[in-house]
Protein backbone atom coordinates (compact mmCIF):
# COMPACT_ATOMS: atom_id res chain seq x y z
CA UNK A 1 31.80 59.51 6.25
CA UNK A 2 35.32 60.64 5.19
CA UNK A 3 36.46 58.47 8.79
CA UNK A 4 35.12 55.38 7.04
CA UNK A 5 36.38 55.97 3.57
CA UNK A 6 39.83 56.17 5.55
CA UNK A 7 39.20 53.12 7.59
CA UNK A 8 37.81 51.00 4.72
CA UNK A 9 41.15 49.78 3.29
CA UNK A 10 42.84 49.07 6.68
CA UNK A 11 39.72 46.72 7.70
CA UNK A 12 39.79 45.05 4.09
CA UNK A 13 43.63 44.22 5.18
CA UNK A 14 42.79 43.18 8.37
CA UNK A 15 40.24 40.60 6.75
CA UNK A 16 42.84 39.93 3.82
CA UNK A 17 40.77 41.45 1.19
CA UNK A 18 40.88 43.76 -1.47
CA UNK A 19 39.51 47.10 -1.12
CA UNK A 20 37.69 45.98 -4.18
CA UNK A 21 36.02 43.48 -2.33
CA UNK A 22 34.56 45.66 0.29
CA UNK A 23 30.91 47.07 -0.64
CA UNK A 24 29.53 49.97 1.25
CA UNK A 25 25.75 50.25 2.12
CA UNK A 26 25.60 54.27 2.20
CA UNK A 27 22.11 54.16 3.44
CA UNK A 28 23.03 52.30 6.83
CA UNK A 29 25.01 55.63 7.70
CA UNK A 30 23.79 57.18 10.70
CA UNK A 31 24.63 59.04 13.86
CA UNK A 32 23.37 56.76 17.25
CA UNK A 33 24.04 57.75 20.94
CA UNK A 34 27.14 59.42 20.05
CA UNK A 35 28.44 57.15 17.45
CA UNK A 36 28.86 57.05 13.69
CA UNK A 37 27.37 54.02 12.10
CA UNK A 38 28.10 52.47 8.48
CA UNK A 39 27.53 48.90 7.61
CA UNK A 40 29.64 46.87 4.96
CA UNK A 41 30.58 43.91 3.19
CA UNK A 42 33.72 42.55 2.88
CA UNK A 43 34.46 39.17 1.54
CA UNK A 44 30.61 38.09 1.39
CA UNK A 45 30.26 39.17 5.31
CA UNK A 46 28.62 42.22 6.42
CA UNK A 47 29.53 44.17 9.45
CA UNK A 48 28.74 47.41 10.97
CA UNK A 49 31.69 49.70 11.86
CA UNK A 50 31.30 51.85 14.68
CA UNK A 51 33.48 55.25 15.30
CA UNK A 52 32.65 56.76 18.68
CA UNK A 53 31.91 56.35 22.60
CA UNK A 54 28.85 55.53 24.35
CA UNK A 55 26.90 53.15 26.42
CA UNK A 56 25.95 51.41 22.80
CA UNK A 57 29.51 51.52 21.84
CA UNK A 58 30.19 49.77 25.00
CA UNK A 59 27.59 47.08 24.69
CA UNK A 60 28.17 45.82 21.31
CA UNK A 61 30.50 42.68 20.64
CA UNK A 62 33.10 43.31 18.15
CA UNK A 63 36.42 44.30 17.74
CA UNK A 64 38.21 47.26 18.52
CA UNK A 65 40.65 48.47 15.85
CA UNK A 66 42.02 51.48 13.93
CA UNK A 67 40.16 53.60 17.00
CA UNK A 68 36.43 52.06 15.41
CA UNK A 69 34.77 48.67 16.43
CA UNK A 70 33.89 46.33 14.04
CA UNK A 71 30.15 44.29 15.03
CA UNK A 72 28.77 41.46 14.09
CA UNK A 73 25.69 41.05 12.81
CA UNK A 74 24.25 38.76 15.60
CA UNK A 75 21.34 38.47 18.10
CA UNK A 76 23.05 39.94 21.07
CA UNK A 77 23.96 43.32 18.73
CA UNK A 78 20.45 43.05 17.54
CA UNK A 79 19.04 43.65 20.91
CA UNK A 80 21.17 46.28 21.70
CA UNK A 81 20.82 48.18 18.28
CA UNK A 82 16.56 47.97 19.25
CA UNK A 83 17.35 49.65 22.63
CA UNK A 84 18.68 52.76 20.89
CA UNK A 85 17.20 53.01 17.43
CA UNK A 86 13.27 52.16 18.28
CA UNK A 87 12.72 52.14 14.52
CA UNK A 88 14.56 48.48 14.34
CA UNK A 89 11.71 47.10 16.84
CA UNK A 90 8.64 45.47 15.25
CA UNK A 91 5.67 47.73 15.99
CA UNK A 92 1.88 46.95 15.26
CA UNK A 93 -0.15 48.91 12.27
CA UNK A 94 -3.67 48.43 14.08
CA UNK A 95 -6.78 48.23 11.18
CA UNK A 96 -6.93 51.44 9.49
CA UNK A 97 -3.47 50.95 7.33
CA UNK A 98 -2.93 48.79 4.49
CA UNK A 99 -0.33 45.81 5.40
CA UNK A 100 1.47 43.52 3.16
CA UNK A 101 3.49 40.27 4.43
CA UNK A 102 7.08 39.87 2.82
CA UNK A 103 8.03 36.90 4.41
CA UNK A 104 11.56 35.96 3.95
CA UNK A 105 12.12 32.25 4.12
CA UNK A 106 16.45 32.85 3.41
CA UNK A 107 16.47 36.46 5.37
CA UNK A 108 18.19 38.20 2.41
CA UNK A 109 15.32 39.85 0.83
CA UNK A 110 14.01 42.71 3.11
CA UNK A 111 16.32 45.33 2.07
CA UNK A 112 14.65 44.64 -1.28
CA UNK A 113 11.17 45.26 0.29
CA UNK A 114 12.33 48.04 2.11
CA UNK A 115 13.01 49.62 -1.48
CA UNK A 116 9.67 48.47 -2.81
CA UNK A 117 7.45 49.87 -0.07
CA UNK A 118 8.95 53.47 0.23
CA UNK A 119 6.89 55.90 -0.84
CA UNK A 120 3.79 53.21 -1.04
CA UNK A 121 0.68 53.67 0.75
CA UNK A 122 1.28 50.17 2.37
CA UNK A 123 3.13 49.29 5.47
CA UNK A 124 5.39 46.11 5.59
CA UNK A 125 5.48 43.10 7.97
CA UNK A 126 9.01 42.26 7.05
CA UNK A 127 9.09 39.50 9.27
CA UNK A 128 6.36 36.77 8.46
CA UNK A 129 7.10 33.31 9.23
CA UNK A 130 5.08 30.28 10.05
CA UNK A 131 5.87 27.42 12.53
CA UNK A 132 6.15 25.06 9.35
CA UNK A 133 8.30 27.68 7.60
CA UNK A 134 10.61 27.84 10.67
CA UNK A 135 10.76 24.19 10.78
CA UNK A 136 11.55 23.42 7.07
CA UNK A 137 14.41 25.99 7.28
CA UNK A 138 16.03 25.39 10.69
CA UNK A 139 15.20 28.82 11.76
CA UNK A 140 14.11 30.58 14.84
CA UNK A 141 11.90 33.61 15.73
CA UNK A 142 15.38 35.59 16.87
CA UNK A 143 17.12 34.29 13.54
CA UNK A 144 14.14 36.19 11.69
CA UNK A 145 14.01 39.15 13.56
CA UNK A 146 17.75 39.16 13.31
CA UNK A 147 17.87 39.42 9.56
CA UNK A 148 14.75 42.14 8.99
CA UNK A 149 16.62 44.59 11.91
CA UNK A 150 20.07 44.61 9.99
CA UNK A 151 18.28 45.26 6.81
CA UNK A 152 16.30 47.81 8.54
CA UNK A 153 19.67 49.32 9.33
CA UNK A 154 21.46 48.65 5.94
CA UNK A 155 18.52 50.62 4.03
CA UNK A 156 18.28 53.33 7.12
CA UNK A 157 14.46 52.39 7.01
CA UNK A 158 12.82 54.74 10.17
CA UNK A 159 9.00 54.16 8.89
CA UNK A 160 7.96 51.24 10.71
CA UNK A 161 7.60 47.38 10.27
CA UNK A 162 5.74 44.46 11.45
CA UNK A 163 6.59 40.99 12.13
CA UNK A 164 4.12 38.29 12.02
CA UNK A 165 4.26 34.71 13.78
CA UNK A 166 2.09 33.44 11.14
CA UNK A 167 -0.49 30.61 11.10
CA UNK A 168 0.32 29.64 14.66
CA UNK A 169 -1.93 26.98 16.47
CA UNK A 170 -0.12 26.04 19.78
CA UNK A 171 0.20 27.91 22.71
CA UNK A 172 3.74 27.31 23.10
CA UNK A 173 4.45 29.13 19.53
CA UNK A 174 2.29 32.18 20.00
CA UNK A 175 4.09 33.03 23.84
CA UNK A 176 7.68 32.25 21.45
CA UNK A 177 7.21 34.70 19.01
CA UNK A 178 5.41 37.13 21.45
CA UNK A 179 8.43 36.42 23.53
CA UNK A 180 11.01 37.31 20.64
CA UNK A 181 9.36 40.56 19.96
CA UNK A 182 6.74 39.80 17.29
CA UNK A 183 3.90 42.64 16.96
CA UNK A 184 1.52 40.69 14.97
CA UNK A 185 -0.23 36.89 15.77
CA UNK A 186 -1.80 35.21 12.70
CA UNK A 187 -4.15 32.35 14.88
CA UNK A 188 -4.60 29.28 12.97
CA UNK A 189 -7.99 27.95 13.78
CA UNK A 190 -8.34 25.08 11.59
CA UNK A 191 -7.73 22.32 14.12
CA UNK A 192 -10.51 23.87 15.92
CA UNK A 193 -12.83 23.61 12.67
CA UNK A 194 -15.12 20.87 12.02
CA UNK A 195 -14.50 20.19 8.44
CA UNK A 196 -16.95 17.25 8.51
CA UNK A 197 -20.17 19.35 9.32
CA UNK A 198 -21.11 20.31 5.40
CA UNK A 199 -21.02 16.56 4.73
CA UNK A 200 -24.04 15.87 7.16
CA UNK A 201 -27.37 15.86 6.51
CA UNK A 202 -29.76 18.09 8.80
CA UNK A 203 -30.85 14.98 10.87
CA UNK A 204 -27.48 14.10 11.74
CA UNK A 205 -26.89 17.62 12.61
CA UNK A 206 -29.20 18.10 14.84
CA UNK A 207 -28.08 14.97 16.71
CA UNK A 208 -24.82 16.63 17.17
CA UNK A 209 -26.32 19.87 17.91
CA UNK A 210 -28.25 18.41 20.85
CA UNK A 211 -25.51 17.52 22.26
CA UNK A 212 -23.86 20.85 23.07
CA UNK A 213 -24.70 22.25 26.49
CA UNK A 214 -27.77 23.96 26.70
CA UNK A 215 -26.85 27.08 28.11
CA UNK A 216 -24.71 27.28 24.76
CA UNK A 217 -27.77 26.40 22.57
CA UNK A 218 -29.77 28.85 24.44
CA UNK A 219 -27.34 31.28 23.92
CA UNK A 220 -27.14 31.47 20.08
CA UNK A 221 -30.38 30.56 19.63
CA UNK A 222 -31.86 33.99 21.67
CA UNK A 223 -28.68 36.19 19.98
CA UNK A 224 -29.03 34.92 16.09
CA UNK A 225 -32.55 32.50 15.54
CA UNK A 226 -34.62 34.22 13.03
CA UNK A 227 -33.05 37.32 13.09
CA UNK A 228 -31.42 39.39 9.86
CA UNK A 229 -28.61 41.23 9.60
CA UNK A 230 -27.91 43.80 6.53
CA UNK A 231 -24.32 43.77 5.20
CA UNK A 232 -24.35 46.28 2.69
CA UNK A 233 -27.23 45.60 0.37
CA UNK A 234 -27.19 41.78 1.01
CA UNK A 235 -29.19 40.57 4.06
CA UNK A 236 -28.15 37.98 6.27
CA UNK A 237 -30.75 35.68 7.96
CA UNK A 238 -29.67 33.09 10.59
CA UNK A 239 -32.62 30.14 10.22
CA UNK A 240 -32.30 27.05 12.07
CA UNK A 241 -30.48 25.18 9.47
CA UNK A 242 -27.74 27.71 8.89
CA UNK A 243 -27.52 28.61 12.42
CA UNK A 244 -27.49 25.29 14.03
CA UNK A 245 -24.33 24.61 11.18
CA UNK A 246 -22.05 27.13 11.91
CA UNK A 247 -22.34 26.90 15.58
CA UNK A 248 -21.27 23.49 15.08
CA UNK A 249 -18.48 24.51 12.71
CA UNK A 250 -17.37 27.46 14.43
CA UNK A 251 -18.36 26.96 18.13
CA UNK A 252 -14.87 25.71 19.10
CA UNK A 253 -13.10 28.38 17.35
CA UNK A 254 -14.62 31.13 18.59
CA UNK A 255 -14.03 30.01 22.15
CA UNK A 256 -10.90 29.21 21.12
CA UNK A 257 -10.13 32.97 19.68
CA UNK A 258 -11.40 34.19 22.96
CA UNK A 259 -9.02 32.01 24.95
CA UNK A 260 -5.83 33.10 22.98
CA UNK A 261 -6.69 36.84 22.78
CA UNK A 262 -7.31 37.23 26.52
CA UNK A 263 -4.09 34.86 27.92
CA UNK A 264 -1.76 36.23 24.92
CA UNK A 265 -2.92 39.24 23.10
CA UNK A 266 -4.57 41.42 25.81
CA UNK A 267 -1.51 40.62 28.09
CA UNK A 268 1.51 41.26 25.85
CA UNK A 269 1.95 44.88 27.62
CA UNK A 270 1.99 46.16 24.47
CA UNK A 271 0.27 46.47 21.09
CA UNK A 272 -0.17 43.32 18.77
CA UNK A 273 -1.91 43.27 15.51
CA UNK A 274 -4.59 40.03 16.17
CA UNK A 275 -5.12 37.81 12.99
CA UNK A 276 -7.87 35.28 12.48
CA UNK A 277 -6.89 32.42 10.02
CA UNK A 278 -10.35 30.71 9.04
CA UNK A 279 -8.90 29.92 5.51
CA UNK A 280 -7.15 26.42 6.15
CA UNK A 281 -10.43 24.87 5.64
CA UNK A 282 -12.03 22.31 2.85
CA UNK A 283 -14.51 24.64 2.08
CA UNK A 284 -15.19 28.17 1.28
CA UNK A 285 -16.18 30.17 4.22
CA UNK A 286 -19.73 31.14 4.23
CA UNK A 287 -21.06 34.43 4.49
CA UNK A 288 -22.98 32.94 7.55
CA UNK A 289 -19.91 31.57 9.26
CA UNK A 290 -18.18 34.98 8.85
CA UNK A 291 -20.78 37.12 10.10
CA UNK A 292 -21.15 34.88 13.56
CA UNK A 293 -17.48 34.64 14.06
CA UNK A 294 -17.24 38.40 13.51
CA UNK A 295 -19.98 39.22 15.76
CA UNK A 296 -19.19 36.98 18.49
CA UNK A 297 -15.97 38.56 18.86
CA UNK A 298 -17.25 42.25 18.99
CA UNK A 299 -19.98 40.94 21.68
CA UNK A 300 -16.71 39.50 23.88
CA UNK A 301 -14.92 42.24 23.09
CA UNK A 302 -12.01 40.72 21.42
CA UNK A 303 -10.25 42.87 19.43
CA UNK A 304 -9.00 41.54 16.26
CA UNK A 305 -7.03 43.46 13.31
CA UNK A 306 -8.01 41.22 10.40
CA UNK A 307 -9.72 38.25 9.39
CA UNK A 308 -8.57 35.74 6.54
CA UNK A 309 -11.82 33.80 5.24
CA UNK A 310 -11.67 31.17 2.55
CA UNK A 311 -13.11 32.55 -0.43
CA UNK A 312 -14.48 31.09 -3.29
CA UNK A 313 -11.64 29.31 -6.07
CA UNK A 314 -8.39 28.48 -5.02
CA UNK A 315 -5.72 30.31 -3.73
CA UNK A 316 -2.38 27.65 -4.46
CA UNK A 317 1.13 28.73 -3.73
CA UNK A 318 2.83 31.02 -6.33
CA UNK A 319 0.51 30.94 -8.73
CA UNK A 320 -2.71 32.79 -9.82
CA UNK A 321 -5.96 32.51 -8.79
CA UNK A 322 -7.90 29.44 -9.94
CA UNK A 323 -11.69 29.86 -10.12
CA UNK A 324 -14.28 31.99 -11.92
CA UNK A 325 -13.28 35.39 -11.41
CA UNK A 326 -16.83 37.07 -11.42
CA UNK A 327 -18.05 34.47 -8.78
CA UNK A 328 -14.91 35.51 -7.00
CA UNK A 329 -16.03 39.38 -6.84
CA UNK A 330 -19.26 38.54 -5.62
CA UNK A 331 -18.57 36.42 -2.90
CA UNK A 332 -15.29 39.02 -1.88
CA UNK A 333 -17.16 41.58 -2.23
CA UNK A 334 -19.56 40.65 0.62
CA UNK A 335 -16.88 39.56 2.67
CA UNK A 336 -15.06 42.87 2.48
CA UNK A 337 -18.41 44.46 3.75
CA UNK A 338 -18.63 42.05 6.59
CA UNK A 339 -15.09 42.91 7.74
CA UNK A 340 -16.12 46.91 6.90
CA UNK A 341 -18.81 46.26 8.92
CA UNK A 342 -16.96 45.10 12.34
CA UNK A 343 -14.10 47.73 11.43
CA UNK A 344 -11.32 45.05 10.43
CA UNK A 345 -9.00 44.28 7.78
CA UNK A 346 -9.88 41.72 4.77
CA UNK A 347 -6.84 39.43 5.09
CA UNK A 348 -5.82 37.48 2.20
CA UNK A 349 -3.76 34.26 2.54
CA UNK A 350 -1.41 32.41 -0.10
CA UNK A 351 -1.98 35.96 -2.12
CA UNK A 352 1.27 36.14 -4.13
CA UNK A 353 0.70 36.27 -7.80
CA UNK A 354 -3.05 36.14 -7.97
CA UNK A 355 -2.97 39.03 -10.40
CA UNK A 356 -5.98 38.04 -11.78
CA UNK A 357 -8.27 39.33 -8.90
CA UNK A 358 -5.86 41.67 -7.33
CA UNK A 359 -7.88 44.77 -9.09
CA UNK A 360 -10.83 43.11 -7.32
CA UNK A 361 -9.08 42.69 -3.93
CA UNK A 362 -8.23 46.42 -4.15
CA UNK A 363 -11.37 47.93 -5.13
CA UNK A 364 -13.43 46.28 -2.61
CA UNK A 365 -11.38 46.64 0.22
CA UNK A 366 -10.37 50.32 -0.73
CA UNK A 367 -7.23 49.61 -0.31
CA UNK A 368 -7.33 48.87 3.73
CA UNK A 369 -6.54 45.17 3.53
CA UNK A 370 -3.65 42.81 4.84
CA UNK A 371 -2.04 40.48 2.09
CA UNK A 372 0.48 37.55 2.71
CA UNK A 373 3.26 37.24 -0.46
CA UNK A 374 6.06 35.13 1.28
CA UNK A 375 6.77 32.55 -0.82
CA UNK A 376 7.02 34.19 -3.93
CA UNK A 377 10.34 35.77 -2.82
CA UNK A 378 12.18 32.18 -2.60
CA UNK A 379 10.78 31.60 -6.21
CA UNK A 380 12.42 35.18 -7.09
CA UNK A 381 15.64 33.78 -5.42
CA UNK A 382 15.24 30.44 -7.50
CA UNK A 383 14.87 32.57 -10.98
CA UNK A 384 18.21 34.56 -10.15
CA UNK A 385 19.89 31.12 -9.48
CA UNK A 386 18.71 29.80 -12.40
CA UNK A 387 19.96 33.05 -14.77
CA UNK A 388 23.31 33.16 -12.91
CA UNK A 389 24.37 29.79 -11.49
CA UNK A 390 22.38 27.54 -13.90
CA UNK A 391 24.24 24.19 -12.94
CA UNK A 392 23.08 24.94 -9.58
CA UNK A 393 19.72 25.23 -10.31
CA UNK A 394 19.60 22.26 -12.66
CA UNK A 395 20.52 20.25 -9.55
CA UNK A 396 17.89 21.59 -7.13
CA UNK A 397 15.31 21.39 -10.07
CA UNK A 398 16.33 17.18 -10.35
CA UNK A 399 16.22 16.82 -6.73
CA UNK A 400 13.03 18.60 -5.84
CA UNK A 401 11.34 16.18 -8.44
CA UNK A 402 12.78 13.22 -6.96
CA UNK A 403 11.50 14.59 -3.55
CA UNK A 404 8.24 16.07 -4.39
CA UNK A 405 5.85 13.96 -2.68
CA UNK A 406 7.73 14.65 0.46
CA UNK A 407 6.96 18.47 0.14
CA UNK A 408 3.16 17.52 -0.81
CA UNK A 409 2.01 16.71 2.45
CA UNK A 410 2.58 20.24 3.97
CA UNK A 411 0.87 21.86 0.83
CA UNK A 412 -2.40 21.81 -1.11
CA UNK A 413 -1.23 22.32 -4.65
CA UNK A 414 -2.54 20.97 -8.28
CA UNK A 415 1.04 20.13 -9.80
CA UNK A 416 1.16 18.04 -12.81
CA UNK A 417 4.88 17.29 -13.07
CA UNK A 418 4.54 15.43 -16.08
CA UNK A 419 3.70 18.97 -18.12
CA UNK A 420 6.84 20.49 -16.35
CA UNK A 421 9.66 20.30 -19.49
CA UNK A 422 12.72 18.00 -19.28
CA UNK A 423 15.33 19.96 -17.95
CA UNK A 424 17.78 18.29 -20.28
CA UNK A 425 16.52 19.49 -23.07
CA UNK A 426 16.84 23.19 -22.41
CA UNK A 427 19.78 25.26 -22.69
CA UNK A 428 21.29 27.43 -19.65
CA UNK A 429 19.54 30.37 -20.89
CA UNK A 430 16.28 29.22 -21.22
CA UNK A 431 16.35 27.85 -17.68
CA UNK A 432 14.79 30.94 -15.99
CA UNK A 433 11.57 30.34 -17.69
CA UNK A 434 10.60 27.61 -15.88
CA UNK A 435 9.50 30.41 -12.84
CA UNK A 436 6.73 31.63 -15.67
CA UNK A 437 5.46 28.16 -15.59
CA UNK A 438 2.64 27.25 -12.56
CA UNK A 439 4.10 23.82 -12.39
CA UNK A 440 7.87 24.37 -12.10
CA UNK A 441 6.74 27.55 -10.01
CA UNK A 442 4.76 25.08 -7.69
CA UNK A 443 7.76 22.15 -7.80
CA UNK A 444 10.12 24.75 -6.43
CA UNK A 445 7.73 26.92 -4.34
CA UNK A 446 6.89 24.13 -2.10
CA UNK A 447 10.16 21.68 -2.06
CA UNK A 448 12.41 24.74 -0.26
CA UNK A 449 12.48 23.00 2.87
CA UNK A 450 13.94 19.76 1.35
CA UNK A 451 16.61 21.59 -0.68
CA UNK A 452 17.78 23.44 2.03
CA UNK A 453 18.11 20.71 4.29
CA UNK A 454 19.43 18.30 1.57
CA UNK A 455 22.79 16.67 2.39
CA UNK A 456 25.11 14.05 1.57
CA UNK A 457 27.79 12.79 3.85
CA UNK A 458 27.33 15.44 6.59
CA UNK A 459 27.44 18.09 3.74
CA UNK A 460 24.58 20.50 2.53
CA UNK A 461 24.32 19.83 -1.08
CA UNK A 462 22.66 23.46 -2.27
CA UNK A 463 22.26 25.51 1.39
CA UNK A 464 25.88 27.16 0.91
CA UNK A 465 25.74 27.60 -2.80
CA UNK A 466 22.53 28.74 -2.95
CA UNK A 467 23.44 31.70 -0.28
CA UNK A 468 26.40 32.24 -1.87
CA UNK A 469 24.66 32.92 -5.05
CA UNK A 470 22.54 35.19 -3.91
CA UNK A 471 25.27 37.28 -2.24
CA UNK A 472 27.42 37.21 -4.70
CA UNK A 473 24.91 39.13 -7.14
CA UNK A 474 22.59 40.96 -4.25
CA UNK A 475 21.89 43.77 -6.25
CA UNK A 476 20.64 41.57 -9.15
CA UNK A 477 18.28 39.68 -6.85
CA UNK A 478 16.73 42.71 -5.00
CA UNK A 479 15.98 43.98 -8.61
CA UNK A 480 14.38 41.08 -9.49
CA UNK A 481 12.19 41.20 -5.95
CA UNK A 482 11.65 44.90 -6.35
CA UNK A 483 10.07 44.34 -9.59
CA UNK A 484 8.22 41.30 -8.81
CA UNK A 485 6.58 43.00 -5.28
CA UNK A 486 5.90 46.35 -7.27
CA UNK A 487 4.00 44.52 -9.56
CA UNK A 488 1.61 43.28 -6.72
CA UNK A 489 1.46 46.81 -5.29
CA UNK A 490 0.54 48.26 -8.61
CA UNK A 491 -2.26 45.61 -9.23
CA UNK A 492 -3.59 46.04 -5.77
CA UNK A 493 -3.61 49.83 -6.33
CA UNK A 494 -1.39 50.70 -3.46
CA UNK A 495 0.50 53.49 -4.82
């Protein structure tokens, strides 16, 4: 480290900065391929200082000065670091270990996430981004992995992380995520699920059923009709009505999952966690439906790491569980037993902030689960902005109110805008209290894309100031995330 201590004042002068403007990330110090490496931040820009010689030194892009190399945190250099530092490459974790999706819409939270999961019985999926989130933030799969990789270097974290191409429906997006190096694919089956089936009478269902191919009907009838399966102490029997209904709902889903698995997951050339999302539906996933899908995937040799049913009640964005907790526990327990029977993890989507049911989730999964928490990190960023830059928060809040309906088409929320206190009635010191109010939380939660993309006269209205504020108060922001995610892990008993 002595060499870096000597160099940093010189580098600060090179950047026309004072030495006090330099922040050293001590945990980043390491020796790789004969080179000493350290990450620093000067005038709000992070760089990696490299001292030494070797292939990695030569392959990295940067500026050679003062007998060192200043390396930019760009995509090219990330790929070089991946080559020489295997712990910066995403990995699959399989079915046995608890995992938590900690996706970050801004690319600024992963360092805090790493600090949070240290010494915990859980592995982090640091990169978790849906196609919707990428579109709304203007990021790419490469951007997401670049940010995560540099956070791993910053924290000197060597215990492994995953990257989830979340809620992907289209083959082109699945291929892009895998080509970028993502280690997990969450297949969103919404487009293949017939949400109308639950509303039909049996006569109509029969007409639809007999339009299916004869060999398909015979296959399902021979394998399931009249048969009873014991899950825990609960028998699941497929009578005529339940079998017909679930074939109509999930028949195309099962074929779609098998197709994607064999074309992309099985041929990826590396281990990939494959999660199935059944939760984006208008109705809770029935036990019969869950069992049928799981059974068929096993029979077809489709190896999944986790499945996300839709549970009873509502898992809305950024707020606690809505529904009868006792009913949820009874329903969740049975879904957990099905998952355990077939050997994969149960996955909980929109899992952030569901504190009233976290104990139930931890108890009935035995801590072997996957839970997704991405959006709550954005809300912690908003909380910090409200505290440290109240003028910016006020403008964001008012803009979000005006554009809420635009964002609502992407998310199911029951936000009551009229219940949100008038911002002009609050003093600056009170603004962070909005992040303790469900309606205000959902307001800011779902308008992130609109806020980040807002422009006037070709200049962005909020984005630069958001990033500058979070960079200036980086340590405080990370403390907010650390505290908030730790509360999740404590409640889930993932200690």
